[in-house]
């Protein structure tokens, strides 16, 4: 379910250039922006995690003692709900925003810690540094095409991991992560793997896979990794590639049909993923078999 986020709408009315955006099934929205020579004041009824991708050295934040800078690649800013902040962007800045609500934070609290707090108060952060956050957004958010349904599982997983990290380290709650031991039972694992194989053409989500196992998303992802030695989104992509290789080599289906059957809505994205996996484009591999 998509919704209008105040900060997103404010930036669209400024000099900021929207490069890409996607609304996830959970209602969380991601947006990739570029800005330069702009002054922006934002106050919203949602939370915003701002991740600096490139440049940002001449980005200034208004404080009680004047304008202060400290931006740069891999720095992040956390703007909680109802906080007001003013920014002076004096030179190039490329950044990614993650927009979420109190409801999203509560849902993660309930799914991971089995607790339902009345409210989770996030800490305001400006030009902060956190290697875990940098790793998550660079590896997951910047490493895939947001518009491809085949990447929805990766994006939703990354968003859940980022929000879990914020709750654990940058909130008034700061619960310890529960310890998960053991993997999925053989019966549950068989059902999950069968469901994945039968639905590779669909935009699989972590929530629906966890529901099959009757587990929270957090516990399911941890237990799946223990059973399969890889994360759910990695396994799904591996299976998409295995199915694609078989169809390319041993069928006469058009490559565009194979792309759709394996969950890729774009032939170019399918070709790029296929080459990264096999060293050949689909057409090259098919030609080699003839």
Protein backbone atom coordinates (compact mmCIF):
# COMPACT_ATOMS: atom_id res chain seq x y z
CA UNK A 1 0.00 0.00 0.00
CA UNK A 2 1.59 3.26 -1.13
CA UNK A 3 1.15 6.55 0.70
CA UNK A 4 2.28 10.15 0.29
CA UNK A 5 5.37 10.98 2.36
CA UNK A 6 5.81 14.65 3.27
CA UNK A 7 9.57 14.81 2.77
CA UNK A 8 9.28 13.17 -0.64
CA UNK A 9 6.66 15.69 -1.72
CA UNK A 10 8.67 18.62 -0.32
CA UNK A 11 11.78 17.64 -2.28
CA UNK A 12 9.78 17.30 -5.49
CA UNK A 13 8.84 20.97 -5.15
CA UNK A 14 12.49 22.04 -4.74
CA UNK A 15 15.51 21.75 -7.04
CA UNK A 16 16.01 18.08 -6.14
CA UNK A 17 16.03 15.66 -9.08
CA UNK A 18 14.26 12.34 -8.48
CA UNK A 19 16.35 9.62 -10.11
CA UNK A 20 14.37 6.60 -8.98
CA UNK A 21 11.71 5.59 -6.49
CA UNK A 22 9.88 2.44 -5.46
CA UNK A 23 7.09 1.71 -2.99
CA UNK A 24 7.56 -1.68 -1.33
CA UNK A 25 4.66 -3.97 -0.48
CA UNK A 26 4.96 -2.96 3.17
CA UNK A 27 4.35 0.71 2.33
CA UNK A 28 7.97 1.72 2.93
CA UNK A 29 9.23 3.93 0.12
CA UNK A 30 12.75 4.31 -1.27
CA UNK A 31 13.83 7.33 -3.32
CA UNK A 32 17.15 8.15 -4.99
CA UNK A 33 17.81 11.89 -5.32
CA UNK A 34 20.34 14.36 -6.70
CA UNK A 35 20.47 17.96 -5.51
CA UNK A 36 22.64 21.05 -5.84
CA UNK A 37 22.26 24.74 -5.01
CA UNK A 38 19.11 24.33 -2.94
CA UNK A 39 17.80 25.27 0.49
CA UNK A 40 15.23 22.93 1.97
CA UNK A 41 13.29 22.80 5.24
CA UNK A 42 11.49 19.55 6.06
CA UNK A 43 9.08 18.56 8.81
CA UNK A 44 6.99 15.46 8.39
CA UNK A 45 4.72 12.92 10.06
CA UNK A 46 7.05 10.06 9.21
CA UNK A 47 10.67 8.98 9.70
CA UNK A 48 13.38 9.55 7.08
CA UNK A 49 16.73 7.77 6.83
CA UNK A 50 18.98 9.73 4.47
CA UNK A 51 21.99 7.87 3.04
CA UNK A 52 24.74 9.83 1.27
CA UNK A 53 25.79 7.98 -1.88
CA UNK A 54 28.22 10.45 -3.49
CA UNK A 55 29.60 13.94 -2.76
CA UNK A 56 27.72 15.93 -0.10
CA UNK A 57 30.81 17.66 1.30
CA UNK A 58 29.12 21.05 0.86
CA UNK A 59 25.83 20.07 2.47
CA UNK A 60 25.05 22.20 5.51
CA UNK A 61 22.61 21.64 8.37
CA UNK A 62 21.18 24.59 10.30
CA UNK A 63 21.96 24.43 14.04
CA UNK A 64 21.52 26.86 16.92
CA UNK A 65 25.09 28.00 16.37
CA UNK A 66 24.86 28.37 12.60
CA UNK A 67 25.26 26.20 9.50
CA UNK A 68 27.40 23.10 10.01
CA UNK A 69 28.62 20.60 7.44
CA UNK A 70 30.11 17.11 7.73
CA UNK A 71 28.55 15.22 4.85
CA UNK A 72 30.21 12.82 2.44
CA UNK A 73 29.80 9.34 0.98
CA UNK A 74 28.43 6.76 3.47
CA UNK A 75 27.34 9.38 5.99
CA UNK A 76 23.72 9.20 7.08
CA UNK A 77 21.11 11.47 8.64
CA UNK A 78 18.14 10.25 10.63
CA UNK A 79 15.16 12.60 10.80
CA UNK A 80 12.47 11.26 13.16
CA UNK A 81 8.81 12.08 12.85
CA UNK A 82 7.92 15.69 13.76
CA UNK A 83 11.55 16.85 13.75
CA UNK A 84 12.18 20.00 11.69
CA UNK A 85 15.46 20.47 9.87
CA UNK A 86 16.86 22.97 7.37
CA UNK A 87 19.50 22.15 4.78
CA UNK A 88 21.67 24.23 2.47
CA UNK A 89 22.97 22.13 -0.44
CA UNK A 90 25.80 24.19 -1.92
CA UNK A 91 27.29 21.58 -4.26
CA UNK A 92 26.61 18.13 -5.71
CA UNK A 93 24.84 15.60 -3.50
CA UNK A 94 23.51 12.16 -4.43
CA UNK A 95 21.51 10.44 -1.72
CA UNK A 96 18.92 7.77 -1.00
CA UNK A 97 15.94 8.26 1.29
CA UNK A 98 14.04 5.53 3.11
CA UNK A 99 10.62 6.71 4.35
CA UNK A 100 8.71 4.79 7.02
CA UNK A 101 6.13 5.27 9.76
CA UNK A 102 5.68 4.39 13.43
CA UNK A 103 3.56 1.48 12.25
CA UNK A 104 6.49 0.00 10.32
CA UNK A 105 8.73 0.25 13.38
CA UNK A 106 6.09 -1.35 15.63
CA UNK A 107 5.60 -4.19 13.17
CA UNK A 108 9.31 -4.95 13.19
CA UNK A 109 9.38 -4.75 16.99
CA UNK A 110 6.53 -7.25 17.18
CA UNK A 111 7.97 -9.61 14.58
CA UNK A 112 11.51 -9.69 15.95
CA UNK A 113 11.19 -9.15 19.69
CA UNK A 114 7.53 -10.21 20.22
CA UNK A 115 6.93 -6.88 21.94
CA UNK A 116 4.50 -4.15 20.98
CA UNK A 117 5.70 -0.78 22.27
CA UNK A 118 3.25 2.11 22.31
CA UNK A 119 5.84 4.10 20.41
CA UNK A 120 9.44 3.87 19.30
CA UNK A 121 11.28 7.17 19.51
CA UNK A 122 14.17 7.39 17.03
CA UNK A 123 17.25 9.50 17.77
CA UNK A 124 17.94 12.44 15.47
CA UNK A 125 21.31 12.03 13.73
CA UNK A 126 23.18 14.35 11.37
CA UNK A 127 26.19 13.41 9.23
CA UNK A 128 26.66 10.23 11.28
CA UNK A 129 28.74 7.21 10.29
CA UNK A 130 27.81 3.55 10.71
CA UNK A 131 29.60 0.79 8.74
CA UNK A 132 26.62 -1.58 9.04
CA UNK A 133 24.24 0.96 7.50
CA UNK A 134 26.73 1.77 4.73
CA UNK A 135 27.18 -1.93 3.94
CA UNK A 136 23.45 -2.63 3.84
CA UNK A 137 22.48 0.18 1.52
CA UNK A 138 25.46 -0.16 -0.80
CA UNK A 139 25.20 -3.93 -1.12
CA UNK A 140 21.42 -4.22 -1.31
CA UNK A 141 19.85 -0.89 -2.28
CA UNK A 142 22.44 0.36 -4.76
CA UNK A 143 23.28 -3.06 -6.16
CA UNK A 144 20.01 -3.78 -7.94
CA UNK A 145 17.39 -2.30 -10.24
CA UNK A 146 14.51 -1.10 -8.08
CA UNK A 147 11.91 -1.46 -10.82
CA UNK A 148 12.46 -5.18 -11.34
CA UNK A 149 9.95 -7.39 -9.52
CA UNK A 150 12.74 -9.98 -9.21
CA UNK A 151 14.47 -7.59 -6.77
CA UNK A 152 11.50 -6.90 -4.48
CA UNK A 153 12.66 -9.59 -2.03
CA UNK A 154 16.14 -8.05 -1.86
CA UNK A 155 14.77 -4.54 -1.30
CA UNK A 156 12.28 -5.58 1.37
CA UNK A 157 14.96 -7.61 3.16
CA UNK A 158 17.36 -4.66 3.12
CA UNK A 159 14.68 -2.29 4.43
CA UNK A 160 13.83 -4.67 7.27
CA UNK A 161 17.52 -5.03 8.18
CA UNK A 162 18.02 -1.24 8.15
CA UNK A 163 14.99 -0.57 10.35
CA UNK A 164 15.97 -3.37 12.72
CA UNK A 165 19.40 -1.77 13.05
CA UNK A 166 17.86 1.66 13.71
CA UNK A 167 15.60 0.28 16.44
CA UNK A 168 18.46 -1.60 18.04
CA UNK A 169 21.01 1.23 17.99
CA UNK A 170 19.25 4.56 17.41
CA UNK A 171 16.05 4.45 19.41
CA UNK A 172 14.73 4.69 22.93
CA UNK A 173 14.01 0.95 22.87
CA UNK A 174 17.40 -0.63 22.15
CA UNK A 175 16.43 -4.23 22.70
CA UNK A 176 18.99 -6.98 22.23
CA UNK A 177 18.40 -9.13 19.18
CA UNK A 178 17.02 -12.55 20.11
CA UNK A 179 19.27 -15.55 19.58
CA UNK A 180 18.09 -17.94 16.90
CA UNK A 181 19.39 -21.49 17.03
CA UNK A 182 18.79 -24.30 14.57
CA UNK A 183 17.38 -24.16 11.07
CA UNK A 184 14.00 -24.87 9.57
CA UNK A 185 12.53 -28.34 10.04
CA UNK A 186 12.89 -30.60 6.96
CA UNK A 187 9.12 -30.49 6.38
CA UNK A 188 8.91 -26.69 6.52
CA UNK A 189 12.04 -26.28 4.42
CA UNK A 190 10.63 -28.57 1.71
CA UNK A 191 7.40 -26.57 1.62
CA UNK A 192 9.23 -23.25 1.37
CA UNK A 193 11.59 -24.44 -1.37
CA UNK A 194 8.69 -25.95 -3.33
CA UNK A 195 6.75 -22.68 -3.07
CA UNK A 196 9.75 -20.71 -4.33
CA UNK A 197 10.27 -23.05 -7.28
CA UNK A 198 6.58 -22.85 -8.24
CA UNK A 199 6.49 -19.05 -8.08
CA UNK A 200 9.77 -17.88 -9.61
CA UNK A 201 7.82 -15.78 -12.12
CA UNK A 202 6.29 -13.75 -9.26
CA UNK A 203 7.65 -10.92 -7.11
CA UNK A 204 8.30 -13.06 -4.02
CA UNK A 205 8.45 -11.26 -0.67
CA UNK A 206 10.01 -12.19 2.65
CA UNK A 207 6.61 -11.85 4.33
CA UNK A 208 4.94 -14.52 2.19
CA UNK A 209 7.85 -16.96 2.58
CA UNK A 210 7.85 -16.44 6.35
CA UNK A 211 4.09 -17.02 6.43
CA UNK A 212 4.54 -20.50 4.91
CA UNK A 213 6.86 -21.34 7.80
CA UNK A 214 4.54 -19.63 10.34
CA UNK A 215 7.46 -17.53 11.57
CA UNK A 216 8.30 -13.85 11.85
CA UNK A 217 10.33 -12.48 8.95
CA UNK A 218 13.36 -12.09 11.21
CA UNK A 219 13.27 -15.64 12.56
CA UNK A 220 12.50 -17.12 9.17
CA UNK A 221 15.41 -15.31 7.47
CA UNK A 222 17.85 -16.40 10.20
CA UNK A 223 16.66 -20.02 10.22
CA UNK A 224 16.60 -20.23 6.42
CA UNK A 225 20.21 -19.05 6.31
CA UNK A 226 21.19 -21.71 8.84
CA UNK A 227 19.46 -24.39 6.75
CA UNK A 228 20.67 -23.28 3.31
CA UNK A 229 23.88 -21.34 4.09
CA UNK A 230 22.52 -18.34 2.20
CA UNK A 231 19.86 -15.66 2.65
CA UNK A 232 16.38 -16.17 1.15
CA UNK A 233 16.86 -13.49 -1.52
CA UNK A 234 20.17 -15.09 -2.57
CA UNK A 235 18.54 -18.51 -2.89
CA UNK A 236 15.64 -17.12 -4.91
CA UNK A 237 17.98 -15.38 -7.34
CA UNK A 238 20.07 -18.56 -7.63
CA UNK A 239 16.95 -20.55 -8.52
CA UNK A 240 15.85 -17.94 -11.05
CA UNK A 241 19.23 -18.27 -12.78
CA UNK A 242 19.16 -22.08 -12.71
CA UNK A 243 15.71 -22.14 -14.28
CA UNK A 244 16.76 -19.55 -16.86
CA UNK A 245 19.89 -21.50 -17.86
CA UNK A 246 17.84 -24.64 -18.41
CA UNK A 247 15.25 -22.85 -20.53
CA UNK A 248 17.89 -21.01 -22.58
CA UNK A 249 19.83 -24.19 -23.32
CA UNK A 250 17.12 -26.80 -23.66
CA UNK A 251 14.03 -25.01 -24.96
CA UNK A 252 13.08 -22.89 -27.94
CA UNK A 253 11.16 -20.32 -25.91
CA UNK A 254 11.83 -16.68 -26.86
CA UNK A 255 14.25 -15.03 -24.45
CA UNK A 256 11.67 -12.42 -23.46
CA UNK A 257 9.29 -15.23 -22.40
CA UNK A 258 12.08 -16.88 -20.40
CA UNK A 259 12.82 -13.58 -18.67
CA UNK A 260 9.16 -13.27 -17.58
CA UNK A 261 9.00 -16.91 -16.51
CA UNK A 262 11.97 -16.33 -14.23
CA UNK A 263 10.62 -13.15 -12.63
CA UNK A 264 12.34 -10.48 -14.73
CA UNK A 265 10.10 -7.83 -16.27
CA UNK A 266 12.94 -6.36 -18.34
CA UNK A 267 14.93 -8.27 -20.97
CA UNK A 268 17.98 -6.05 -20.41
CA UNK A 269 17.94 -6.67 -16.65
CA UNK A 270 17.56 -10.39 -17.25
CA UNK A 271 20.48 -10.35 -19.71
CA UNK A 272 22.72 -8.45 -17.28
CA UNK A 273 21.92 -10.81 -14.39
CA UNK A 274 22.39 -13.85 -16.61
CA UNK A 275 25.80 -12.68 -17.82
CA UNK A 276 26.92 -11.89 -14.27
CA UNK A 277 25.95 -15.44 -13.27
CA UNK A 278 27.21 -17.44 -16.27
CA UNK A 279 29.69 -15.22 -18.08
CA UNK A 280 27.47 -15.24 -21.18
CA UNK A 281 24.37 -13.37 -22.27
CA UNK A 282 21.33 -15.61 -22.88
CA UNK A 283 21.68 -15.23 -26.66
CA UNK A 284 25.39 -16.10 -26.51
CA UNK A 285 24.75 -19.25 -24.47
CA UNK A 286 21.93 -20.33 -26.76
CA UNK A 287 24.09 -19.75 -29.86
CA UNK A 288 26.87 -21.85 -28.33
CA UNK A 289 24.49 -24.81 -28.01
CA UNK A 290 23.44 -24.67 -31.68
